[in-house]
Each structure stands twice: as structure tokens, then as C-alpha cells.
Amino acid sequence: MVTPNKLIQIPVDAELLAKLDELSKAEGTSRSAIIRRACRDYLRRMREEALDQLYQRGYEQIPEDTGVGEVQVVLAPQVLPEESW
């Protein structure tokens, strides 16, 4: 189900407005569409950064066992074929 858009007012300086209008004209789309896309991109980046921080804290609390990687380095040549190039 699609929810209706809510109208909001956001003050912007003249320079930003000019750049939005320029981009809008170049893309053949509305200022609103550009701002919506920018907001979605920003929210996605913030979510990804939060997940990255969570991942990093997890490794800080429970560090990776380096022994697994060391074993893989030793076993890899025995299991994987040698490249011809």
C-alpha cells in the first residue's frame, strides 16, 4: 500500500537552491525528487555506518581467531590448483 506524500518546508540558501534547480533541469526531474533521493541515500548511508560500527564493536569484544587464517594459508596450496599464468 502506497502512503501519500507529506508536504514539508525546508529553508535552503540561494546557492543550494540554484544547484538543485540546475540539477533538476539537467536530469529532467523535480527538485522534490532530487531531495527525496538524497534523503534516502543519506538514511541508507547512516544505516550502513551504524551496521559497520556494530560489526567493529563485535570484533573488538570477541576478536577473530587468527589461527584459522594461518591454517588456511598452509592448506590453500595443497587444496587449490596452481594457476598456469
Protein backbone atom coordinates (compact mmCIF):
# COMPACT_ATOMS: atom_id res chain seq x y z
CA MET A 1 0.00 0.00 0.00
CA VAL A 2 1.40 3.38 -1.02
CA THR A 3 1.19 6.10 1.59
CA PRO A 4 0.57 9.65 0.42
CA ASN A 5 3.47 12.08 0.45
CA LYS A 6 3.62 14.63 3.25
CA LEU A 7 4.44 18.20 2.36
CA ILE A 8 7.26 19.76 4.40
CA GLN A 9 9.05 23.08 4.17
CA ILE A 10 12.82 23.22 4.33
CA PRO A 11 14.70 26.51 4.22
CA VAL A 12 17.72 26.39 1.88
CA ASP A 13 20.20 29.08 0.91
CA ALA A 14 20.16 30.60 -2.56
CA GLU A 15 23.31 28.78 -3.70
CA LEU A 16 21.92 25.35 -2.79
CA LEU A 17 18.60 26.18 -4.43
CA ALA A 18 20.38 27.23 -7.62
CA LYS A 19 22.36 24.00 -7.68
CA LEU A 20 19.20 21.95 -7.10
CA ASP A 21 17.45 23.80 -9.94
CA GLU A 22 20.43 23.23 -12.23
CA LEU A 23 20.50 19.51 -11.45
CA SER A 24 16.74 19.28 -11.76
CA LYS A 25 16.86 20.78 -15.23
CA ALA A 26 19.79 18.56 -16.30
CA GLU A 27 18.04 15.39 -15.08
CA GLY A 28 14.60 16.42 -16.24
CA THR A 29 13.17 15.78 -12.81
CA SER A 30 11.77 17.83 -9.95
CA ARG A 31 13.64 19.37 -7.05
CA SER A 32 11.47 17.30 -4.75
CA ALA A 33 12.52 14.07 -6.44
CA ILE A 34 16.19 15.01 -6.05
CA ILE A 35 15.73 15.88 -2.37
CA ARG A 36 13.82 12.64 -1.72
CA ARG A 37 16.60 10.64 -3.38
CA ALA A 38 19.24 12.50 -1.36
CA CYS A 39 17.36 11.81 1.87
CA ARG A 40 17.03 8.09 1.05
CA ASP A 41 20.74 7.90 0.19
CA TYR A 42 21.64 9.66 3.43
CA LEU A 43 19.45 7.34 5.53
CA ARG A 44 20.94 4.28 3.78
CA ARG A 45 24.49 5.52 4.46
CA MET A 46 23.69 6.19 8.10
CA ARG A 47 22.26 2.67 8.45
CA GLU A 48 25.34 1.15 6.78
CA GLU A 49 27.65 3.16 9.06
CA ALA A 50 25.69 2.03 12.13
CA LEU A 51 25.98 -1.60 11.00
CA ASP A 52 29.72 -1.15 10.34
CA GLN A 53 30.19 0.24 13.84
CA LEU A 54 28.19 -2.63 15.33
CA TYR A 55 30.30 -5.13 13.36
CA GLN A 56 33.52 -3.45 14.53
CA ARG A 57 32.41 -3.42 18.18
CA GLY A 58 31.59 -7.12 17.89
CA TYR A 59 35.13 -7.88 16.70
CA GLU A 60 36.57 -5.69 19.45
CA GLN A 61 34.60 -7.62 22.06
CA ILE A 62 35.28 -11.05 20.54
CA PRO A 63 38.41 -10.81 18.35
CA GLU A 64 38.82 -13.13 15.41
CA ASP A 65 40.92 -16.22 16.00
CA THR A 66 43.99 -15.72 13.78
CA GLY A 67 44.76 -19.42 13.96
CA VAL A 68 42.03 -20.16 11.40
CA GLY A 69 43.63 -17.84 8.84
CA GLU A 70 47.06 -19.27 9.48
CA VAL A 71 45.78 -22.81 8.86
CA GLN A 72 44.07 -21.67 5.65
CA VAL A 73 47.33 -20.18 4.36
CA VAL A 74 49.09 -23.50 4.96
CA LEU A 75 46.31 -25.65 3.44
CA ALA A 76 45.42 -23.46 0.44
CA PRO A 77 48.34 -24.57 -1.77
CA GLN A 78 47.50 -28.20 -1.08
CA VAL A 79 43.82 -27.82 -1.98
CA LEU A 80 43.77 -25.21 -4.75
CA PRO A 81 45.31 -25.90 -8.16
CA GLU A 82 48.24 -23.77 -9.18
CA GLU A 83 47.44 -21.05 -11.74
CA SER A 84 49.01 -21.53 -15.16
CA TRP A 85 49.73 -17.85 -15.66
